Amino acid sequence: MKRFIRPDIENEIISRITDAMQRQGRKEDLIIFNGFYPGGQRMTSYEQFLLFKDATTIIGPHGSGISGNLLWTNPKPRDCDDRVKVLEFIGGRDTISEASPDDVNATVHSHWLWMRGWPLDYHHIMYAPNSTREELIIDL
């Protein structure tokens, strides 16, 4: 199941990221990844590898293909500052079942447990309680 952030919230997130990159003098390109090229052609696994192998930051909702593409990131950073930064939007017990953990005993639905040994700088933001399967909402 692919999950998508509500379009108005996604646009606000992109705007804030772009502003922060400019303020901090970041030279990276901000690439909005959805698995397709602008013309609608699907990216191959190799093309996704080429895109994510040099990523410095990956941001997205749990269930959007984020974990599969983390596999392509740098496995041997030079130091802690060189680690790929990951910001994952996740559901918790306050969100409806489709955006919540699959395990009713879990507090959150996150990749942290199996990623914690990887050289990533991982953080998360919880979905707002009014998120639905069709629209994930982040309280900005």
C-alpha atoms as a PDB file:
ATOM      1  CA  MET A   1       0.000   0.000   0.000  1.00  0.00           C
ATOM      2  CA  LYS A   2       1.502   3.297  -1.100  1.00  0.00           C
ATOM      3  CA  ARG A   3       0.830   6.229   1.190  1.00  0.00           C
ATOM      4  CA  PHE A   4       0.640   9.855   0.145  1.00  0.00           C
ATOM      5  CA  ILE A   5       0.688  13.086   2.087  1.00  0.00           C
ATOM      6  CA  ARG A   6      -2.218  15.440   1.396  1.00  0.00           C
ATOM      7  CA  PRO A   7      -1.146  17.686  -1.548  1.00  0.00           C
ATOM      8  CA  ASP A   8      -1.442  21.034   0.269  1.00  0.00           C
ATOM      9  CA  ILE A   9       0.669  19.712   3.143  1.00  0.00           C
ATOM     10  CA  GLU A  10       3.196  18.181   0.739  1.00  0.00           C
ATOM     11  CA  ASN A  11       3.549  21.561  -1.000  1.00  0.00           C
ATOM     12  CA  GLU A  12       4.110  23.285   2.368  1.00  0.00           C
ATOM     13  CA  ILE A  13       6.741  20.679   3.347  1.00  0.00           C
ATOM     14  CA  ILE A  14       8.546  21.163   0.016  1.00  0.00           C
ATOM     15  CA  SER A  15       8.426  24.949   0.448  1.00  0.00           C
ATOM     16  CA  ARG A  16       9.881  24.729   3.956  1.00  0.00           C
ATOM     17  CA  ILE A  17      12.622  22.330   2.834  1.00  0.00           C
ATOM     18  CA  THR A  18      13.543  24.591  -0.097  1.00  0.00           C
ATOM     19  CA  ASP A  19      13.666  27.653   2.173  1.00  0.00           C
ATOM     20  CA  ALA A  20      15.819  25.815   4.745  1.00  0.00           C
ATOM     21  CA  MET A  21      18.211  24.594   2.031  1.00  0.00           C
ATOM     22  CA  GLN A  22      18.659  28.168   0.775  1.00  0.00           C
ATOM     23  CA  ARG A  23      19.148  29.592   4.288  1.00  0.00           C
ATOM     24  CA  GLN A  24      21.775  26.963   5.085  1.00  0.00           C
ATOM     25  CA  GLY A  25      23.568  27.248   1.755  1.00  0.00           C
ATOM     26  CA  ARG A  26      22.864  23.640   0.744  1.00  0.00           C
ATOM     27  CA  LYS A  27      23.868  22.931  -2.854  1.00  0.00           C
ATOM     28  CA  GLU A  28      22.063  19.596  -3.303  1.00  0.00           C
ATOM     29  CA  ASP A  29      19.151  19.267  -5.701  1.00  0.00           C
ATOM     30  CA  LEU A  30      15.756  18.681  -4.128  1.00  0.00           C
ATOM     31  CA  ILE A  31      14.330  15.724  -6.030  1.00  0.00           C
ATOM     32  CA  ILE A  32      10.706  14.732  -5.542  1.00  0.00           C
ATOM     33  CA  PHE A  33      10.768  10.968  -6.006  1.00  0.00           C
ATOM     34  CA  ASN A  34       7.696   8.933  -6.890  1.00  0.00           C
ATOM     35  CA  GLY A  35       9.272   6.120  -8.927  1.00  0.00           C
ATOM     36  CA  PHE A  36       8.545   7.784 -12.278  1.00  0.00           C
ATOM     37  CA  TYR A  37      10.198  10.281 -14.588  1.00  0.00           C
ATOM     38  CA  PRO A  38       8.272  13.509 -15.328  1.00  0.00           C
ATOM     39  CA  GLY A  39       6.979  11.984 -18.587  1.00  0.00           C
ATOM     40  CA  GLY A  40       5.434   9.057 -16.719  1.00  0.00           C
ATOM     41  CA  GLN A  41       8.056   6.396 -17.496  1.00  0.00           C
ATOM     42  CA  ARG A  42       8.736   4.106 -14.526  1.00  0.00           C
ATOM     43  CA  MET A  43      12.283   4.181 -13.109  1.00  0.00           C
ATOM     44  CA  THR A  44      14.138   0.865 -13.098  1.00  0.00           C
ATOM     45  CA  SER A  45      15.736  -0.447  -9.905  1.00  0.00           C
ATOM     46  CA  TYR A  46      19.124   0.519 -11.305  1.00  0.00           C
ATOM     47  CA  GLU A  47      17.964   4.077 -11.997  1.00  0.00           C
ATOM     48  CA  GLN A  48      16.639   4.296  -8.425  1.00  0.00           C
ATOM     49  CA  PHE A  49      20.012   3.032  -7.183  1.00  0.00           C
ATOM     50  CA  LEU A  50      21.789   5.783  -9.140  1.00  0.00           C
ATOM     51  CA  LEU A  51      19.478   8.396  -7.622  1.00  0.00           C
ATOM     52  CA  PHE A  52      19.659   7.245  -3.991  1.00  0.00           C
ATOM     53  CA  LYS A  53      23.325   6.212  -3.776  1.00  0.00           C
ATOM     54  CA  ASP A  54      24.353   9.869  -3.482  1.00  0.00           C
ATOM     55  CA  ALA A  55      21.392  11.119  -1.435  1.00  0.00           C
ATOM     56  CA  THR A  56      22.269  13.216   1.607  1.00  0.00           C
ATOM     57  CA  THR A  57      18.715  13.334   2.988  1.00  0.00           C
ATOM     58  CA  ILE A  58      15.618  11.193   2.418  1.00  0.00           C
ATOM     59  CA  ILE A  59      12.205  12.381   3.597  1.00  0.00           C
ATOM     60  CA  GLY A  60       8.896  10.601   3.182  1.00  0.00           C
ATOM     61  CA  PRO A  61       5.947   8.739   4.644  1.00  0.00           C
ATOM     62  CA  HIS A  62       6.183   5.172   5.877  1.00  0.00           C
ATOM     63  CA  GLY A  63       4.756   2.952   3.163  1.00  0.00           C
ATOM     64  CA  SER A  64       5.966   5.089   0.250  1.00  0.00           C
ATOM     65  CA  GLY A  65       8.891   2.870  -0.763  1.00  0.00           C
ATOM     66  CA  ILE A  66      11.312   4.689   1.500  1.00  0.00           C
ATOM     67  CA  SER A  67      12.843   1.555   3.058  1.00  0.00           C
ATOM     68  CA  GLY A  68      13.669  -0.149  -0.224  1.00  0.00           C
ATOM     69  CA  ASN A  69      15.573   2.888  -1.420  1.00  0.00           C
ATOM     70  CA  LEU A  70      17.490   3.250   1.848  1.00  0.00           C
ATOM     71  CA  LEU A  71      19.300   0.099   0.735  1.00  0.00           C
ATOM     72  CA  TRP A  72      21.058   2.127  -1.960  1.00  0.00           C
ATOM     73  CA  THR A  73      22.521   4.758   0.391  1.00  0.00           C
ATOM     74  CA  ASN A  74      26.169   4.998   1.403  1.00  0.00           C
ATOM     75  CA  PRO A  75      26.927   2.038   3.731  1.00  0.00           C
ATOM     76  CA  LYS A  76      30.299   3.465   4.853  1.00  0.00           C
ATOM     77  CA  PRO A  77      30.091   7.166   5.703  1.00  0.00           C
ATOM     78  CA  ARG A  78      33.361   8.878   6.623  1.00  0.00           C
ATOM     79  CA  ASP A  79      31.946  10.161   9.908  1.00  0.00           C
ATOM     80  CA  CYS A  80      28.641  10.918  11.668  1.00  0.00           C
ATOM     81  CA  ASP A  81      28.131  14.130   9.668  1.00  0.00           C
ATOM     82  CA  ASP A  82      28.421  12.118   6.440  1.00  0.00           C
ATOM     83  CA  ARG A  83      25.548   9.770   7.355  1.00  0.00           C
ATOM     84  CA  VAL A  84      22.376   9.994   5.255  1.00  0.00           C
ATOM     85  CA  LYS A  85      19.673  11.885   7.142  1.00  0.00           C
ATOM     86  CA  VAL A  86      16.270  10.155   7.145  1.00  0.00           C
ATOM     87  CA  LEU A  87      12.998  11.785   8.191  1.00  0.00           C
ATOM     88  CA  GLU A  88      10.117   9.316   8.095  1.00  0.00           C
ATOM     89  CA  PHE A  89       6.488  10.262   8.663  1.00  0.00           C
ATOM     90  CA  ILE A  90       4.819   7.483  10.665  1.00  0.00           C
ATOM     91  CA  GLY A  91       1.487   6.524  12.201  1.00  0.00           C
ATOM     92  CA  GLY A  92       0.799   5.749  15.816  1.00  0.00           C
ATOM     93  CA  ARG A  93      -2.053   4.549  17.969  1.00  0.00           C
ATOM     94  CA  ASP A  94      -3.908   7.851  17.558  1.00  0.00           C
ATOM     95  CA  THR A  95      -4.211   7.469  13.780  1.00  0.00           C
ATOM     96  CA  ILE A  96      -6.780   5.260  12.068  1.00  0.00           C
ATOM     97  CA  SER A  97      -5.828   1.646  11.415  1.00  0.00           C
ATOM     98  CA  GLU A  98      -4.693   2.114   7.798  1.00  0.00           C
ATOM     99  CA  ALA A  99      -2.095   4.677   8.873  1.00  0.00           C
ATOM    100  CA  SER A 100      -1.288   2.990  12.195  1.00  0.00           C
ATOM    101  CA  PRO A 101       1.007   0.158  13.187  1.00  0.00           C
ATOM    102  CA  ASP A 102      -0.020  -3.245  11.807  1.00  0.00           C
ATOM    103  CA  ASP A 103       0.712  -4.807  15.189  1.00  0.00           C
ATOM    104  CA  VAL A 104      -1.949  -3.668  17.667  1.00  0.00           C
ATOM    105  CA  ASN A 105       0.637  -3.884  20.454  1.00  0.00           C
ATOM    106  CA  ALA A 106       3.060  -1.562  18.659  1.00  0.00           C
ATOM    107  CA  THR A 107       3.242   2.097  19.608  1.00  0.00           C
ATOM    108  CA  VAL A 108       4.363   3.250  16.153  1.00  0.00           C
ATOM    109  CA  HIS A 109       4.872   1.837  12.666  1.00  0.00           C
ATOM    110  CA  SER A 110       8.471   2.601  11.801  1.00  0.00           C
ATOM    111  CA  HIS A 111      11.548   1.117  10.153  1.00  0.00           C
ATOM    112  CA  TRP A 112      13.714   2.157  13.101  1.00  0.00           C
ATOM    113  CA  LEU A 113      13.943  -1.314  14.658  1.00  0.00           C
ATOM    114  CA  TRP A 114      15.531  -2.932  11.639  1.00  0.00           C
ATOM    115  CA  MET A 115      17.434   0.194  10.511  1.00  0.00           C
ATOM    116  CA  ARG A 116      19.034   1.071  13.833  1.00  0.00           C
ATOM    117  CA  GLY A 117      22.278  -0.734  12.999  1.00  0.00           C
ATOM    118  CA  TRP A 118      22.648   1.083   9.689  1.00  0.00           C
ATOM    119  CA  PRO A 119      24.763   4.221   9.392  1.00  0.00           C
ATOM    120  CA  LEU A 120      21.760   6.542   9.092  1.00  0.00           C
ATOM    121  CA  ASP A 121      20.754   9.626  11.052  1.00  0.00           C
ATOM    122  CA  TYR A 122      17.094   8.586  11.505  1.00  0.00           C
ATOM    123  CA  HIS A 123      14.239  10.743  12.824  1.00  0.00           C
ATOM    124  CA  HIS A 124      10.458  10.606  12.538  1.00  0.00           C
ATOM    125  CA  ILE A 125       7.363  12.798  12.710  1.00  0.00           C
ATOM    126  CA  MET A 126       3.973  11.346  13.647  1.00  0.00           C
ATOM    127  CA  TYR A 127       0.933  11.653  11.378  1.00  0.00           C
ATOM    128  CA  ALA A 128      -1.858  13.804  12.772  1.00  0.00           C
ATOM    129  CA  PRO A 129      -4.746  11.792  14.318  1.00  0.00           C
ATOM    130  CA  ASN A 130      -7.089  12.859  11.495  1.00  0.00           C
ATOM    131  CA  SER A 131      -4.953  11.122   8.836  1.00  0.00           C
ATOM    132  CA  THR A 132      -6.725   8.626   6.595  1.00  0.00           C
ATOM    133  CA  ARG A 133      -5.621   5.928   4.183  1.00  0.00           C
ATOM    134  CA  GLU A 134      -6.062   8.392   1.309  1.00  0.00           C
ATOM    135  CA  GLU A 135      -4.621  11.479   2.982  1.00  0.00           C
ATOM    136  CA  LEU A 136      -1.770  11.542   5.442  1.00  0.00           C
ATOM    137  CA  ILE A 137      -1.670  14.732   7.463  1.00  0.00           C
ATOM    138  CA  ILE A 138       1.382  16.193   9.176  1.00  0.00           C
ATOM    139  CA  ASP A 139       0.726  18.936  11.724  1.00  0.00           C
ATOM    140  CA  LEU A 140       3.174  21.602  10.619  1.00  0.00           C
END
